[in-house]
N, C-alpha and C. Protein backbone atom coordinates (compact mmCIF):
# COMPACT_ATOMS: atom_id res chain seq x y z
N MET A 1 49.99 99.18 204.30
CA MET A 1 50.75 97.78 204.24
C MET A 1 49.69 96.75 203.65
N HIS A 2 50.34 95.85 202.95
CA HIS A 2 49.51 94.89 202.38
C HIS A 2 49.74 93.50 203.18
N TYR A 3 48.56 92.74 203.23
CA TYR A 3 48.65 91.43 203.95
C TYR A 3 48.09 90.33 203.02
N LEU A 4 48.73 89.31 202.94
CA LEU A 4 48.19 88.19 202.15
C LEU A 4 47.57 87.03 203.08
N LEU A 5 46.24 86.63 202.85
CA LEU A 5 45.69 85.64 203.62
C LEU A 5 45.72 84.31 202.72
N PHE A 6 46.36 83.30 203.21
CA PHE A 6 46.53 82.06 202.37
C PHE A 6 45.54 81.08 203.06
N TYR A 7 44.80 80.31 202.17
CA TYR A 7 44.01 79.23 202.61
C TYR A 7 44.55 77.91 201.98
N GLU A 8 44.52 76.93 202.66
CA GLU A 8 44.80 75.53 202.23
C GLU A 8 43.33 74.89 202.32
N VAL A 9 42.91 74.28 201.39
CA VAL A 9 41.52 73.71 201.40
C VAL A 9 41.42 72.23 201.36
N VAL A 10 40.34 71.62 201.61
CA VAL A 10 39.99 70.13 201.57
C VAL A 10 39.97 69.70 200.16
N PRO A 11 40.38 68.47 199.86
CA PRO A 11 40.36 67.93 198.52
C PRO A 11 39.03 68.07 197.76
N ASP A 12 37.93 67.94 198.42
CA ASP A 12 36.65 68.17 197.64
C ASP A 12 36.04 69.67 197.81
N TYR A 13 36.92 70.64 198.05
CA TYR A 13 36.44 71.93 198.17
C TYR A 13 35.47 72.50 197.03
N LEU A 14 35.79 72.23 195.84
CA LEU A 14 34.89 72.73 194.79
C LEU A 14 33.50 72.12 194.84
N THR A 15 33.40 70.97 195.43
CA THR A 15 32.01 70.34 195.56
C THR A 15 31.32 70.94 196.77
N ARG A 16 32.07 71.13 197.82
CA ARG A 16 31.58 71.43 199.11
C ARG A 16 31.32 73.12 199.16
N ARG A 17 32.02 73.83 198.39
CA ARG A 17 31.81 75.33 198.68
C ARG A 17 30.53 75.87 198.22
N ALA A 18 29.79 75.25 197.32
CA ALA A 18 28.53 75.68 196.80
C ALA A 18 27.52 76.13 197.95
N GLU A 19 27.52 75.20 198.94
CA GLU A 19 26.54 75.49 200.00
C GLU A 19 26.85 76.80 200.78
N HIS A 20 28.14 77.09 200.83
CA HIS A 20 28.51 78.30 201.74
C HIS A 20 29.08 79.43 200.89
N ARG A 21 28.94 79.41 199.55
CA ARG A 21 29.59 80.44 198.80
C ARG A 21 28.89 81.79 198.82
N ASP A 22 27.60 81.89 198.85
CA ASP A 22 26.94 83.20 198.98
C ASP A 22 27.34 83.89 200.29
N GLU A 23 27.24 83.20 201.39
CA GLU A 23 27.81 83.66 202.67
C GLU A 23 29.22 84.20 202.56
N HIS A 24 30.04 83.36 202.05
CA HIS A 24 31.44 83.78 201.91
C HIS A 24 31.65 85.03 201.07
N LEU A 25 31.02 85.12 199.95
CA LEU A 25 31.06 86.14 198.98
C LEU A 25 30.46 87.49 199.69
N ALA A 26 29.36 87.37 200.41
CA ALA A 26 28.89 88.40 201.11
C ALA A 26 29.79 88.95 202.05
N LEU A 27 30.49 88.27 202.78
CA LEU A 27 31.47 88.60 203.76
C LEU A 27 32.61 89.26 203.04
N ALA A 28 33.07 88.78 201.89
CA ALA A 28 34.29 89.28 201.08
C ALA A 28 33.80 90.64 200.55
N TRP A 29 32.70 90.77 199.95
CA TRP A 29 32.26 92.06 199.35
C TRP A 29 32.21 93.16 200.42
N LYS A 30 31.71 92.83 201.67
CA LYS A 30 31.65 93.73 202.74
C LYS A 30 32.95 94.20 203.14
N ALA A 31 33.89 93.30 203.24
CA ALA A 31 35.36 93.70 203.44
C ALA A 31 35.89 94.58 202.46
N GLN A 32 35.53 94.32 201.11
CA GLN A 32 36.03 95.13 200.04
C GLN A 32 35.38 96.54 200.17
N ALA A 33 34.14 96.65 200.50
CA ALA A 33 33.59 97.86 200.60
C ALA A 33 34.14 98.73 201.75
N ARG A 34 34.59 98.12 202.74
CA ARG A 34 35.23 98.86 203.84
C ARG A 34 36.63 99.27 203.58
N GLY A 35 37.21 98.81 202.41
CA GLY A 35 38.48 99.16 201.91
C GLY A 35 39.59 98.18 202.55
N GLU A 36 39.23 97.08 203.05
CA GLU A 36 40.13 96.15 203.67
C GLU A 36 40.60 95.09 202.61
N LEU A 37 39.64 94.48 201.91
CA LEU A 37 39.92 93.46 200.92
C LEU A 37 40.18 94.00 199.64
N VAL A 38 41.30 93.80 199.05
CA VAL A 38 41.57 94.37 197.59
C VAL A 38 41.24 93.39 196.49
N LEU A 39 41.73 92.13 196.73
CA LEU A 39 41.40 91.02 195.73
C LEU A 39 41.41 89.70 196.49
N GLY A 40 40.65 88.87 195.88
CA GLY A 40 40.61 87.45 196.54
C GLY A 40 40.12 86.52 195.55
N GLY A 41 40.58 85.19 195.60
CA GLY A 41 40.15 84.15 194.83
C GLY A 41 40.89 82.86 194.97
N ALA A 42 40.22 81.72 194.47
CA ALA A 42 40.84 80.45 194.58
C ALA A 42 42.08 80.35 193.61
N LEU A 43 42.93 79.49 194.01
CA LEU A 43 44.14 79.15 193.22
C LEU A 43 43.62 78.08 192.33
N GLY A 44 44.12 77.84 191.05
CA GLY A 44 43.57 76.81 190.18
C GLY A 44 44.62 75.89 189.60
N ASP A 45 43.99 74.85 189.05
CA ASP A 45 44.69 73.89 188.36
C ASP A 45 45.87 73.15 189.15
N PRO A 46 45.60 72.42 190.21
CA PRO A 46 44.34 72.20 190.83
C PRO A 46 43.94 73.28 191.79
N VAL A 47 42.65 73.28 192.12
CA VAL A 47 42.08 74.16 193.09
C VAL A 47 42.47 73.61 194.42
N ASP A 48 43.51 74.10 195.08
CA ASP A 48 44.00 73.51 196.32
C ASP A 48 44.23 74.64 197.35
N GLY A 49 43.75 75.80 197.09
CA GLY A 49 43.92 76.84 198.08
C GLY A 49 43.32 78.20 197.51
N ALA A 50 43.48 79.16 198.25
CA ALA A 50 43.02 80.51 197.88
C ALA A 50 43.97 81.58 198.49
N VAL A 51 43.97 82.85 197.85
CA VAL A 51 44.80 83.87 198.36
C VAL A 51 43.81 85.15 198.34
N LEU A 52 43.88 85.94 199.45
CA LEU A 52 43.15 87.11 199.47
C LEU A 52 44.04 88.24 199.95
N LEU A 53 44.03 89.32 199.27
CA LEU A 53 44.95 90.50 199.46
C LEU A 53 44.18 91.50 200.38
N PHE A 54 44.68 91.85 201.42
CA PHE A 54 44.14 92.81 202.24
C PHE A 54 45.12 94.08 202.48
N GLN A 55 44.58 95.22 202.94
CA GLN A 55 45.38 96.38 203.08
C GLN A 55 44.92 96.95 204.49
N GLY A 56 45.85 97.59 205.14
CA GLY A 56 45.64 98.18 206.38
C GLY A 56 46.81 98.39 207.15
N ASP A 57 46.65 98.82 208.40
CA ASP A 57 47.80 99.10 209.31
C ASP A 57 48.33 97.90 210.07
N SER A 58 47.49 96.88 210.03
CA SER A 58 47.86 95.60 210.83
C SER A 58 47.13 94.37 210.06
N PRO A 59 47.53 93.21 210.49
CA PRO A 59 46.85 92.05 209.88
C PRO A 59 45.49 91.77 210.41
N ALA A 60 45.03 92.67 211.29
CA ALA A 60 43.81 92.40 212.07
C ALA A 60 42.63 92.01 211.11
N ALA A 61 42.41 92.87 210.09
CA ALA A 61 41.24 92.65 209.16
C ALA A 61 41.24 91.36 208.48
N ALA A 62 42.51 90.97 208.10
CA ALA A 62 42.59 89.60 207.39
C ALA A 62 42.41 88.48 208.36
N GLU A 63 42.82 88.64 209.54
CA GLU A 63 42.60 87.64 210.67
C GLU A 63 41.17 87.53 211.10
N ARG A 64 40.52 88.65 211.23
CA ARG A 64 39.17 88.72 211.62
C ARG A 64 38.30 88.00 210.46
N PHE A 65 38.56 88.32 209.16
CA PHE A 65 37.98 87.77 208.09
C PHE A 65 38.00 86.23 208.13
N ALA A 66 39.15 85.69 208.25
CA ALA A 66 39.37 84.25 208.23
C ALA A 66 38.61 83.63 209.36
N ARG A 67 38.66 84.18 210.62
CA ARG A 67 37.95 83.67 211.69
C ARG A 67 36.52 83.52 211.52
N SER A 68 35.96 84.38 210.72
CA SER A 68 34.44 84.55 210.54
C SER A 68 33.98 83.94 209.17
N ASP A 69 34.92 83.56 208.38
CA ASP A 69 34.60 83.07 207.02
C ASP A 69 33.91 81.66 207.09
N PRO A 70 32.70 81.53 206.51
CA PRO A 70 32.08 80.19 206.54
C PRO A 70 32.94 79.04 205.92
N TYR A 71 33.90 79.38 205.01
CA TYR A 71 34.71 78.31 204.48
C TYR A 71 35.64 77.77 205.58
N VAL A 72 35.96 78.78 206.51
CA VAL A 72 36.87 78.22 207.61
C VAL A 72 35.98 77.56 208.78
N THR A 73 34.92 78.30 209.05
CA THR A 73 34.12 77.78 210.30
C THR A 73 33.43 76.40 209.87
N LYS A 74 33.17 76.18 208.64
CA LYS A 74 32.40 74.93 208.12
C LYS A 74 33.49 73.82 207.72
N GLY A 75 34.74 74.07 207.82
CA GLY A 75 35.75 73.05 207.68
C GLY A 75 36.28 72.81 206.23
N LEU A 76 35.96 73.84 205.29
CA LEU A 76 36.51 73.71 203.97
C LEU A 76 37.89 74.09 203.93
N VAL A 77 38.38 74.97 204.80
CA VAL A 77 39.73 75.47 204.98
C VAL A 77 40.42 74.61 205.99
N THR A 78 41.55 73.96 205.60
CA THR A 78 42.30 73.11 206.52
C THR A 78 43.14 73.92 207.42
N SER A 79 43.76 75.03 206.83
CA SER A 79 44.56 75.88 207.63
C SER A 79 44.75 77.24 206.85
N TRP A 80 45.01 78.24 207.57
CA TRP A 80 45.16 79.59 207.05
C TRP A 80 46.23 80.28 207.78
N ARG A 81 46.83 81.23 207.04
CA ARG A 81 47.77 82.08 207.60
C ARG A 81 47.87 83.49 206.94
N VAL A 82 48.31 84.53 207.66
CA VAL A 82 48.51 85.89 207.08
C VAL A 82 49.85 86.13 207.23
N LYS A 83 50.26 86.76 206.01
CA LYS A 83 51.73 87.20 205.92
C LYS A 83 51.78 88.56 205.44
N PRO A 84 52.64 89.47 206.02
CA PRO A 84 52.76 90.81 205.47
C PRO A 84 53.39 90.81 204.03
N TRP A 85 52.99 91.62 203.31
CA TRP A 85 53.60 91.72 201.93
C TRP A 85 54.05 93.15 201.62
N ASN A 86 55.33 93.25 201.57
CA ASN A 86 55.91 94.62 201.35
C ASN A 86 55.80 94.91 199.91
N THR A 87 54.83 95.50 199.38
CA THR A 87 54.71 95.82 197.90
C THR A 87 55.37 97.05 197.68
N VAL A 88 56.25 96.95 196.49
CA VAL A 88 57.11 98.10 196.15
C VAL A 88 56.91 98.53 194.78
N VAL A 89 56.26 97.78 193.85
CA VAL A 89 56.18 98.08 192.45
C VAL A 89 54.59 98.08 192.15
N GLY A 90 54.10 99.10 191.37
CA GLY A 90 52.83 99.17 190.98
C GLY A 90 52.03 100.39 191.54
N ASP A 91 50.93 100.77 190.85
CA ASP A 91 50.25 101.98 191.36
C ASP A 91 49.63 101.80 192.72
N ALA A 92 49.38 100.67 193.12
CA ALA A 92 48.83 100.42 194.53
C ALA A 92 49.74 100.00 195.58
N ALA A 93 51.11 99.94 195.19
CA ALA A 93 52.18 99.61 196.13
C ALA A 93 52.11 100.41 197.49
N ALA A 94 52.30 99.67 198.53
CA ALA A 94 52.19 100.37 199.86
C ALA A 94 53.52 101.28 200.12
N SER A 95 54.52 100.76 199.63
CA SER A 95 55.86 101.37 199.77
C SER A 95 56.53 101.41 198.37
N PRO A 96 56.16 102.31 197.46
CA PRO A 96 56.72 102.35 196.14
C PRO A 96 58.38 102.61 196.25
N VAL A 97 59.07 101.93 195.46
CA VAL A 97 60.50 102.05 195.25
C VAL A 97 60.71 102.14 193.79
N ARG A 98 61.33 103.19 193.37
CA ARG A 98 61.63 103.35 191.94
C ARG A 98 63.09 103.45 191.83
N PRO A 99 63.60 103.01 190.59
CA PRO A 99 65.03 103.01 190.34
C PRO A 99 65.52 104.54 190.37
N ARG A 100 66.82 104.56 190.70
CA ARG A 100 67.52 105.90 190.85
C ARG A 100 67.70 106.52 189.51
């Protein structure tokens, strides 16, 4: 199953993230190495949030990531939420559905 982690960020996120970016990226790449995090990045134009794609049997990895992410703990993220994503098309789809 796939899970999307959505971040809403402070207006001055781009300015403030530099101080915490290495720690955030280290956490993200460790989650990727464990096979939990598939993709992640900031939304652009304007940069007002971020989306991270996780895979697993439950939303636990995404929730654990958010709770320990320095962007969250240092106040750059104003709110976050995890939503299940029922992926059906693509090589990496969790539940592929093809036309009959």
